[in-house]
């Protein structure tokens, strides 16, 4: 009996440690993406409401990836430095994660490292304001990571412009490897 309880505790602890490691990886990607917002200040929505928008945007990636494989041409919506890092196995795995994801994220302020951001909940007056100029508003999806934890995609929306951003792990560090812009309404 004693060993059974010990085994259960060890298994539960291992699951908790893995979840903490997964979140740390996701925040590394989030911080990289926020670093690429090249403005003096911006408003970050504290909560991620992009759960329902991610699937159509990921479907666009699949279409553009197929076009690239067929023609060798990169869509004009993609950055010049884009690497088509996600293969069909990655796409299938991430698509399942996206479809089963119904949990909204509340960003942990201790994990986000960006001096240029203002949290929307701290300044609702700026979020609702129509006065110009005002800092741009930024929304982020979760970082969706492939099965072997070496590639990821994330959606960033600034105003009405959306970006599907790709990242890969190189020598243990995450780096961005291109983005595809699309209109968001």
Protein backbone atom coordinates (compact mmCIF):
# COMPACT_ATOMS: atom_id res chain seq x y z
CA UNK A 1 0.00 0.00 0.00
CA UNK A 2 2.81 2.34 0.96
CA UNK A 3 4.51 1.82 -2.41
CA UNK A 4 1.28 2.38 -4.31
CA UNK A 5 0.78 5.77 -2.67
CA UNK A 6 4.43 6.65 -3.31
CA UNK A 7 4.07 5.64 -6.97
CA UNK A 8 0.95 7.80 -7.39
CA UNK A 9 2.70 10.79 -5.80
CA UNK A 10 5.74 10.36 -8.06
CA UNK A 11 3.56 10.09 -11.20
CA UNK A 12 1.50 13.16 -10.26
CA UNK A 13 4.64 15.14 -9.43
CA UNK A 14 6.17 14.17 -12.78
CA UNK A 15 3.05 15.39 -14.59
CA UNK A 16 3.17 18.70 -12.73
CA UNK A 17 6.87 19.19 -13.53
CA UNK A 18 6.20 18.45 -17.23
CA UNK A 19 3.35 20.99 -17.29
CA UNK A 20 5.63 23.63 -15.72
CA UNK A 21 8.31 22.88 -18.33
CA UNK A 22 5.73 23.11 -21.13
CA UNK A 23 4.56 26.53 -19.90
CA UNK A 24 8.14 27.77 -19.64
CA UNK A 25 8.71 26.78 -23.28
CA UNK A 26 5.52 28.54 -24.37
CA UNK A 27 6.51 31.75 -22.57
CA UNK A 28 9.92 31.71 -24.27
CA UNK A 29 8.09 31.77 -27.61
CA UNK A 30 5.62 34.42 -26.42
CA UNK A 31 8.48 36.67 -25.32
CA UNK A 32 10.24 36.27 -28.68
CA UNK A 33 7.05 37.21 -30.52
CA UNK A 34 6.43 40.25 -28.29
CA UNK A 35 10.03 41.37 -28.80
CA UNK A 36 9.21 41.67 -32.52
CA UNK A 37 6.48 44.26 -31.89
CA UNK A 38 8.55 47.24 -32.99
CA UNK A 39 6.74 50.13 -31.34
CA UNK A 40 7.59 52.25 -28.34
CA UNK A 41 4.55 51.03 -26.40
CA UNK A 42 1.68 48.64 -27.01
CA UNK A 43 -1.36 47.31 -25.17
CA UNK A 44 -1.37 43.57 -24.52
CA UNK A 45 -4.67 41.90 -23.81
CA UNK A 46 -4.15 40.00 -20.56
CA UNK A 47 -6.32 37.11 -21.66
CA UNK A 48 -6.12 35.09 -24.82
CA UNK A 49 -9.46 34.96 -26.59
CA UNK A 50 -8.04 33.60 -29.84
CA UNK A 51 -8.98 29.97 -29.29
CA UNK A 52 -11.72 30.04 -31.95
CA UNK A 53 -9.65 31.97 -34.51
CA UNK A 54 -6.55 29.82 -34.63
CA UNK A 55 -7.95 26.91 -36.70
CA UNK A 56 -8.89 28.93 -39.82
CA UNK A 57 -5.53 30.69 -39.71
CA UNK A 58 -3.69 27.39 -39.46
CA UNK A 59 -5.70 26.10 -42.43
CA UNK A 60 -4.28 29.03 -44.43
CA UNK A 61 -0.78 27.82 -43.52
CA UNK A 62 -1.64 24.39 -44.91
CA UNK A 63 -2.88 25.90 -48.19
CA UNK A 64 0.22 28.09 -48.59
CA UNK A 65 2.51 25.19 -47.62
CA UNK A 66 0.87 22.97 -50.28
CA UNK A 67 1.28 25.74 -52.86
CA UNK A 68 4.95 26.08 -51.91
CA UNK A 69 5.50 22.31 -52.29
CA UNK A 70 3.78 22.30 -55.70
CA UNK A 71 5.24 25.46 -57.23
CA UNK A 72 8.23 26.41 -55.09
CA UNK A 73 6.74 29.90 -54.77
CA UNK A 74 6.23 31.62 -51.45
CA UNK A 75 2.93 33.43 -50.95
CA UNK A 76 3.24 37.21 -51.02
CA UNK A 77 1.71 37.22 -47.54
CA UNK A 78 4.77 35.46 -46.10
CA UNK A 79 7.93 37.14 -44.89
CA UNK A 80 10.93 36.71 -47.17
CA UNK A 81 12.81 34.77 -44.48
CA UNK A 82 10.06 32.19 -43.93
CA UNK A 83 11.02 28.57 -43.41
CA UNK A 84 8.21 26.07 -43.96
CA UNK A 85 9.20 24.18 -40.82
CA UNK A 86 5.95 22.35 -40.12
CA UNK A 87 5.52 19.10 -42.03
CA UNK A 88 2.26 17.15 -42.33
CA UNK A 89 2.86 15.21 -39.08
CA UNK A 90 3.42 18.51 -37.23
CA UNK A 91 0.33 20.01 -38.85
CA UNK A 92 -1.80 17.00 -37.88
CA UNK A 93 -0.55 17.04 -34.28
CA UNK A 94 -0.94 20.80 -33.81
CA UNK A 95 -4.36 20.80 -35.51
CA UNK A 96 -5.60 18.24 -32.96
CA UNK A 97 -4.26 20.39 -30.13
CA UNK A 98 -5.96 23.49 -31.54
CA UNK A 99 -9.31 21.75 -32.05
CA UNK A 100 -9.33 20.34 -28.53
CA UNK A 101 -8.21 23.62 -26.94
CA UNK A 102 -11.09 25.45 -25.30
CA UNK A 103 -9.22 27.05 -22.41
CA UNK A 104 -8.55 30.76 -22.53
CA UNK A 105 -5.13 31.85 -21.33
CA UNK A 106 -4.57 34.54 -18.76
CA UNK A 107 -1.00 35.66 -19.30
CA UNK A 108 1.27 35.40 -16.27
CA UNK A 109 2.87 38.81 -15.85
CA UNK A 110 5.90 37.30 -14.12
CA UNK A 111 6.66 35.26 -17.24
CA UNK A 112 6.35 38.04 -19.82
CA UNK A 113 9.49 40.10 -20.24
CA UNK A 114 8.78 43.21 -22.26
CA UNK A 115 9.18 46.77 -20.96
CA UNK A 116 7.11 48.26 -23.81
CA UNK A 117 3.78 46.71 -22.98
CA UNK A 118 0.81 48.04 -21.06
CA UNK A 119 -1.67 45.44 -19.84
CA UNK A 120 -5.19 46.07 -21.09
CA UNK A 121 -6.69 45.38 -17.66
CA UNK A 122 -4.48 48.11 -16.15
CA UNK A 123 -5.56 50.72 -18.70
CA UNK A 124 -9.10 50.03 -19.96
CA UNK A 125 -9.30 53.74 -20.77
CA UNK A 126 -6.65 53.25 -23.48
CA UNK A 127 -8.29 50.11 -24.83
CA UNK A 128 -11.66 51.84 -25.23
CA UNK A 129 -10.27 55.21 -26.31
CA UNK A 130 -10.75 56.49 -29.82
CA UNK A 131 -8.25 59.31 -29.25
CA UNK A 132 -5.24 59.21 -31.50
CA UNK A 133 -2.44 58.51 -31.24
CA UNK A 134 -2.81 55.56 -28.91
CA UNK A 135 -0.63 52.51 -28.49
CA UNK A 136 -1.52 49.59 -30.78
CA UNK A 137 -3.45 46.71 -29.26
CA UNK A 138 -1.85 43.27 -29.40
CA UNK A 139 -3.47 39.87 -28.93
CA UNK A 140 -1.67 36.52 -28.84
CA UNK A 141 -2.78 32.95 -29.12
CA UNK A 142 -1.08 30.25 -27.16
CA UNK A 143 2.09 28.85 -28.62
CA UNK A 144 1.23 25.50 -30.17
CA UNK A 145 4.24 23.18 -30.12
CA UNK A 146 4.71 20.03 -32.19
CA UNK A 147 5.01 16.53 -30.75
CA UNK A 148 8.81 16.45 -30.45
CA UNK A 149 8.80 19.99 -28.98
CA UNK A 150 11.10 21.47 -31.64
CA UNK A 151 8.70 23.57 -33.76
CA UNK A 152 5.84 25.90 -32.91
CA UNK A 153 3.30 28.32 -34.29
CA UNK A 154 1.55 31.25 -32.64
CA UNK A 155 -0.91 33.90 -33.83
CA UNK A 156 -0.25 37.60 -33.13
CA UNK A 157 -2.80 40.26 -34.00
CA UNK A 158 -1.95 43.95 -34.04
CA UNK A 159 -4.99 46.05 -34.81
CA UNK A 160 -6.61 44.34 -37.81
CA UNK A 161 -3.44 42.62 -39.03
CA UNK A 162 -2.84 39.04 -38.05
CA UNK A 163 0.41 37.11 -38.26
CA UNK A 164 0.88 33.36 -38.10
CA UNK A 165 4.40 33.17 -36.70
CA UNK A 166 6.64 30.13 -36.85
CA UNK A 167 9.41 29.22 -34.41
CA UNK A 168 11.89 26.39 -34.08
CA UNK A 169 14.29 25.21 -31.44
CA UNK A 170 17.95 25.40 -32.39
CA UNK A 171 20.62 24.25 -29.94
CA UNK A 172 18.09 24.39 -27.09
CA UNK A 173 16.92 27.95 -27.85
CA UNK A 174 13.78 29.10 -29.63
CA UNK A 175 14.14 31.34 -32.67
CA UNK A 176 11.57 32.81 -35.01
CA UNK A 177 11.68 31.58 -38.59
CA UNK A 178 9.14 33.63 -40.46
CA UNK A 179 5.58 34.83 -40.46
CA UNK A 180 2.56 34.93 -42.70
CA UNK A 181 0.37 38.01 -42.61
CA UNK A 182 -3.36 37.88 -43.09
CA UNK A 183 -6.27 40.22 -42.58
CA UNK A 184 -8.24 39.68 -39.42
CA UNK A 185 -11.76 40.88 -38.86
